[in-house]
Amino acid sequence: MSIISQNIKFLRKKKGLTQQAFADEIGIKRSLVGAYEEDRADPKYDLLKKLALYFDVSVDDFINETIDEGWAPKPKGEGSNLRILSITVDKDENENIELVPVKASAGYLNGYADPQFVAELPKFHLPMFKQGTYRAFEIKGDSMLPLQTGSIIIGEYLERWTDVKAGETYVIISKNDGVVYKRAGNKFKDNKKLKLVSDNPVYEPYDINGEDILEIWKAKGYFSTHLPEPTPEPTMESLTSMMAQMQRSISDLQKNNTN
């Protein structure tokens, strides 16, 4: 059971409310209350704010602290590493995939946590991406060839940055670099530094401080108008060259074994 589900159940009971009475107070269906308390669904951000206000706790405490009889709120002004993700949903409460085009990249740094900004982004759905939270980012430049500038990366929101794996690709949102698509050069330990590597060897790897990172999205797919070129059929000349190279390799191996 997640922290949020535990807190909803504890605080509801502390107020002496049944699930139906609580649902009526908040203005949602009783089935949703059951789904939240049984950890079968997570409340959307707007509802989280409403719940926190109703229970007179901060959103930070509500989603990060186990609230029980011995719990006490943090002193005001105490630091927090809370990360808020704004999303949009369709009429059936299914999450949209919002598109961040290059022209909106600069604004995304200021509006990534603003529900109104996110609501104004283009939206779409893909049938293969049903579980999880996804966002699409248009990339620019040639640092990640063979992906061309203008390609769109579909990323899945990464809640735990320690899940970053070396060698895999991510869309990184940071205060200094904005929106970049790179390959991770190391595991992200203790939120310290993450090495970002380009697939184009012309570009040198560089480190980014954890405190500068705003969001991380794990690449799950892409769209591109540049279709792959067919692999050329082998010619007699290329086959002869391959055979000659194999013979040289075998000869070198035999010499090394003899020595």
Protein backbone atom coordinates (compact mmCIF):
# COMPACT_ATOMS: atom_id res chain seq x y z
CA MET A 1 0.00 0.00 0.00
CA SER A 2 1.39 3.41 -0.98
CA ILE A 3 1.82 6.37 1.34
CA ILE A 4 -1.02 8.24 -0.38
CA SER A 5 -3.49 5.35 -0.04
CA GLN A 6 -2.58 4.87 3.63
CA ASN A 7 -2.98 8.56 4.35
CA ILE A 8 -6.37 8.82 2.65
CA LYS A 9 -7.71 5.86 4.60
CA PHE A 10 -6.28 7.02 7.95
CA LEU A 11 -7.44 10.63 7.63
CA ARG A 12 -10.90 9.62 6.41
CA LYS A 13 -11.38 7.32 9.40
CA LYS A 14 -9.97 9.96 11.75
CA LYS A 15 -12.80 12.24 10.62
CA GLY A 16 -15.26 9.42 11.27
CA LEU A 17 -16.47 9.25 7.66
CA THR A 18 -17.57 6.26 5.63
CA GLN A 19 -16.24 5.98 2.10
CA GLN A 20 -19.60 7.19 0.75
CA ALA A 21 -19.77 10.15 3.15
CA PHE A 22 -16.19 11.10 2.30
CA ALA A 23 -16.88 10.81 -1.43
CA ASP A 24 -19.89 13.13 -1.02
CA GLU A 25 -17.75 15.65 0.90
CA ILE A 26 -15.04 15.70 -1.80
CA GLY A 27 -17.38 15.40 -4.77
CA ILE A 28 -16.14 12.14 -6.26
CA LYS A 29 -17.55 8.63 -6.70
CA ARG A 30 -17.35 6.19 -3.78
CA SER A 31 -15.69 3.65 -6.11
CA LEU A 32 -12.80 6.09 -6.58
CA VAL A 33 -12.31 6.37 -2.83
CA GLY A 34 -12.03 2.58 -2.66
CA ALA A 35 -9.60 2.52 -5.57
CA TYR A 36 -7.39 5.16 -3.91
CA GLU A 37 -7.40 3.47 -0.50
CA GLU A 38 -6.68 0.03 -2.00
CA ASP A 39 -3.84 1.49 -4.11
CA ARG A 40 -5.51 0.56 -7.39
CA ALA A 41 -5.36 4.14 -8.65
CA ASP A 42 -3.63 7.42 -7.79
CA PRO A 43 -5.47 10.75 -7.40
CA LYS A 44 -4.68 13.37 -10.02
CA TYR A 45 -2.76 16.44 -8.89
CA ASP A 46 -5.81 18.73 -8.72
CA LEU A 47 -7.57 16.20 -6.48
CA LEU A 48 -4.44 15.80 -4.34
CA LYS A 49 -4.49 19.53 -3.65
CA LYS A 50 -8.16 19.33 -2.76
CA LEU A 51 -7.61 16.38 -0.42
CA ALA A 52 -4.65 18.05 1.30
CA LEU A 53 -6.71 21.21 1.82
CA TYR A 54 -9.64 19.20 3.16
CA PHE A 55 -7.45 17.32 5.66
CA ASP A 56 -5.49 20.50 6.53
CA VAL A 57 -2.08 19.08 5.61
CA SER A 58 0.45 20.18 3.01
CA VAL A 59 0.60 18.38 -0.34
CA ASP A 60 4.25 17.60 0.45
CA ASP A 61 3.36 15.82 3.69
CA PHE A 62 0.33 14.16 2.15
CA ILE A 63 2.34 12.34 -0.53
CA ASN A 64 5.69 11.91 1.23
CA GLU A 65 4.95 11.34 4.93
CA THR A 66 3.13 8.46 6.61
CA ILE A 67 0.43 10.26 8.57
CA ASP A 68 -0.65 8.37 11.71
CA GLU A 69 -1.38 9.06 15.37
CA GLY A 70 2.26 9.93 16.06
CA TRP A 71 2.71 12.16 13.02
CA ALA A 72 3.45 15.87 13.31
CA PRO A 73 3.68 18.36 10.40
CA LYS A 74 7.07 19.74 9.39
CA PRO A 75 7.98 23.20 10.67
CA LYS A 76 7.22 25.89 8.13
CA GLY A 77 10.16 26.78 5.95
CA GLU A 78 11.75 23.34 6.16
CA GLY A 79 13.15 22.26 2.81
CA SER A 80 11.43 19.76 0.54
CA ASN A 81 12.42 17.69 -2.48
CA LEU A 82 8.80 17.46 -3.66
CA ARG A 83 8.43 17.15 -7.42
CA ILE A 84 5.04 18.03 -8.86
CA LEU A 85 3.98 16.66 -12.25
CA SER A 86 1.09 18.32 -14.05
CA ILE A 87 -0.86 16.11 -16.43
CA THR A 88 -4.03 16.28 -18.52
CA VAL A 89 -6.74 13.66 -19.00
CA ASP A 90 -9.46 13.04 -21.56
CA LYS A 91 -13.19 12.79 -20.87
CA ASP A 92 -12.74 9.19 -19.70
CA GLU A 93 -10.00 10.13 -17.20
CA ASN A 94 -7.28 8.55 -19.37
CA GLU A 95 -3.98 10.43 -19.29
CA ASN A 96 -3.01 12.26 -22.47
CA ILE A 97 0.45 12.33 -24.00
CA GLU A 98 1.35 16.02 -24.18
CA LEU A 99 3.73 17.20 -26.90
CA VAL A 100 6.45 19.73 -26.10
CA PRO A 101 7.58 21.15 -29.47
CA VAL A 102 10.92 22.90 -29.80
CA LYS A 103 9.22 26.31 -29.83
CA ALA A 104 7.69 25.54 -26.42
CA SER A 105 10.88 24.16 -24.84
CA ALA A 106 11.91 27.44 -23.23
CA GLY A 107 8.45 27.99 -21.78
CA TYR A 108 8.37 24.42 -20.49
CA LEU A 109 11.13 25.24 -18.00
CA ASN A 110 8.80 27.67 -16.27
CA GLY A 111 5.50 25.92 -16.96
CA TYR A 112 6.29 22.22 -16.51
CA ALA A 113 4.51 22.23 -13.11
CA ASP A 114 1.78 24.66 -14.19
CA PRO A 115 -1.47 22.79 -15.02
CA GLN A 116 -2.63 25.65 -17.26
CA PHE A 117 0.58 25.64 -19.33
CA VAL A 118 0.51 21.84 -19.70
CA ALA A 119 -3.19 21.95 -20.63
CA GLU A 120 -2.36 24.19 -23.61
CA LEU A 121 0.16 21.74 -25.11
CA PRO A 122 -0.90 19.52 -28.05
CA LYS A 123 -2.21 16.13 -26.88
CA PHE A 124 -2.61 12.66 -28.35
CA HIS A 125 -2.93 8.98 -27.41
CA LEU A 126 -1.01 5.88 -28.47
CA PRO A 127 -2.51 2.43 -27.91
CA MET A 128 0.81 0.85 -26.86
CA PHE A 129 1.31 3.35 -24.03
CA LYS A 130 -1.55 2.74 -21.58
CA GLN A 131 0.21 2.21 -18.25
CA GLY A 132 2.32 5.08 -16.90
CA THR A 133 2.64 8.79 -17.60
CA TYR A 134 4.11 9.82 -20.94
CA ARG A 135 5.15 13.04 -22.64
CA ALA A 136 6.55 13.73 -26.10
CA PHE A 137 9.49 16.05 -26.78
CA GLU A 138 10.69 17.37 -30.13
CA ILE A 139 14.49 17.32 -30.30
CA LYS A 140 16.83 19.52 -32.27
CA GLY A 141 20.43 19.20 -33.43
CA ASP A 142 22.50 16.22 -34.51
CA SER A 143 23.97 15.09 -31.18
CA MET A 144 21.93 11.88 -31.15
CA LEU A 145 22.36 10.65 -34.71
CA PRO A 146 20.94 8.73 -36.49
CA LEU A 147 17.90 10.51 -34.99
CA GLN A 148 17.51 13.71 -36.96
CA THR A 149 16.55 17.14 -35.71
CA GLY A 150 12.77 17.39 -35.52
CA SER A 151 12.36 13.81 -34.29
CA ILE A 152 9.90 13.34 -31.44
CA ILE A 153 10.87 11.25 -28.41
CA ILE A 154 8.13 9.58 -26.34
CA GLY A 155 9.27 9.51 -22.71
CA GLU A 156 7.83 7.82 -19.62
CA TYR A 157 7.96 9.91 -16.44
CA LEU A 158 10.67 8.71 -14.06
CA GLU A 159 9.62 9.24 -10.46
CA ARG A 160 12.78 7.75 -8.89
CA TRP A 161 15.89 9.19 -10.47
CA THR A 162 17.95 6.40 -8.94
CA ASP A 163 16.29 4.16 -11.56
CA VAL A 164 18.41 5.80 -14.26
CA LYS A 165 20.57 3.13 -15.91
CA ALA A 166 23.87 3.70 -17.69
CA GLY A 167 23.62 3.20 -21.43
CA GLU A 168 19.90 3.99 -21.72
CA THR A 169 18.47 7.18 -23.19
CA TYR A 170 16.44 9.87 -21.42
CA VAL A 171 14.92 13.28 -21.95
CA ILE A 172 16.43 15.48 -19.24
CA ILE A 173 14.79 18.75 -18.22
CA SER A 174 17.29 20.98 -16.42
CA LYS A 175 17.58 24.60 -15.34
CA ASN A 176 20.72 25.29 -17.39
CA ASP A 177 20.34 23.10 -20.50
CA GLY A 178 16.59 23.06 -20.94
CA VAL A 179 15.22 20.03 -22.78
CA VAL A 180 17.90 17.60 -23.97
CA TYR A 181 17.84 14.01 -25.17
CA LYS A 182 20.95 12.08 -24.12
CA ARG A 183 22.31 8.70 -23.08
CA ALA A 184 23.11 8.23 -19.40
CA GLY A 185 26.80 7.60 -18.77
CA ASN A 186 26.37 6.42 -15.19
CA LYS A 187 23.84 5.41 -12.55
CA PHE A 188 22.37 8.39 -10.74
CA LYS A 189 23.41 7.89 -7.11
CA ASP A 190 22.35 10.18 -4.28
CA ASN A 191 21.08 12.77 -6.80
CA LYS A 192 24.65 14.03 -7.25
CA LYS A 193 25.90 14.12 -10.84
CA LEU A 194 24.65 12.52 -14.02
CA LYS A 195 26.94 12.09 -17.02
CA LEU A 196 25.19 12.82 -20.32
CA VAL A 197 26.57 11.18 -23.46
CA SER A 198 25.76 11.95 -27.11
CA ASP A 199 25.53 9.17 -29.68
CA ASN A 200 27.33 11.46 -32.12
CA PRO A 201 31.03 11.15 -31.12
CA VAL A 202 31.67 14.73 -32.21
CA TYR A 203 30.06 15.88 -28.97
CA GLU A 204 31.93 15.39 -25.69
CA PRO A 205 30.13 13.90 -22.67
CA TYR A 206 29.42 16.29 -19.81
CA ASP A 207 28.15 16.16 -16.22
CA ILE A 208 25.01 17.75 -14.87
CA ASN A 209 24.35 18.41 -11.18
CA GLY A 210 21.33 16.71 -9.64
CA GLU A 211 20.14 20.00 -8.14
CA ASP A 212 19.82 21.44 -11.67
CA ILE A 213 17.54 18.64 -12.91
CA LEU A 214 13.79 19.29 -12.97
CA GLU A 215 12.42 16.17 -14.67
CA ILE A 216 13.66 12.92 -16.21
CA TRP A 217 11.72 10.98 -18.85
CA LYS A 218 12.88 7.52 -19.96
CA ALA A 219 12.80 7.18 -23.75
CA LYS A 220 10.27 4.56 -24.87
CA GLY A 221 9.91 5.32 -28.58
CA TYR A 222 10.16 7.99 -31.25
CA PHE A 223 8.62 9.46 -34.38
CA SER A 224 10.69 10.67 -37.29
CA THR A 225 10.03 11.79 -40.86
CA HIS A 226 13.47 10.46 -41.84
CA LEU A 227 12.88 6.86 -42.83
CA PRO A 228 15.79 4.41 -42.57
CA GLU A 229 17.73 3.66 -45.72
CA PRO A 230 17.74 0.05 -46.95
CA THR A 231 20.86 -1.96 -46.21
CA PRO A 232 22.81 -2.32 -49.49
CA GLU A 233 23.16 -5.84 -50.89
CA PRO A 234 26.70 -7.23 -50.59
CA THR A 235 28.79 -7.06 -53.76
CA MET A 236 31.48 -9.49 -54.86
CA GLU A 237 34.08 -6.87 -54.00
CA SER A 238 32.77 -6.40 -50.44
CA LEU A 239 32.56 -10.17 -49.91
CA THR A 240 36.14 -10.61 -51.12
CA SER A 241 37.30 -7.88 -48.74
CA MET A 242 35.48 -9.53 -45.83
CA MET A 243 37.07 -12.90 -46.59
CA ALA A 244 40.53 -11.35 -46.80
CA GLN A 245 40.01 -9.63 -43.44
CA MET A 246 38.89 -12.91 -41.87
CA GLN A 247 41.96 -14.71 -43.22
CA ARG A 248 44.26 -12.03 -41.80
CA SER A 249 42.54 -12.28 -38.43
CA ILE A 250 42.92 -16.07 -38.39
CA SER A 251 46.57 -15.81 -39.40
CA ASP A 252 47.27 -13.27 -36.64
CA LEU A 253 45.53 -15.49 -34.11
CA GLN A 254 47.61 -18.49 -35.13
CA LYS A 255 50.84 -16.49 -34.83
CA ASN A 256 49.90 -15.31 -31.34
CA ASN A 257 49.15 -18.86 -30.24
CA THR A 258 52.49 -20.06 -31.62
CA ASN A 259 54.37 -17.34 -29.76
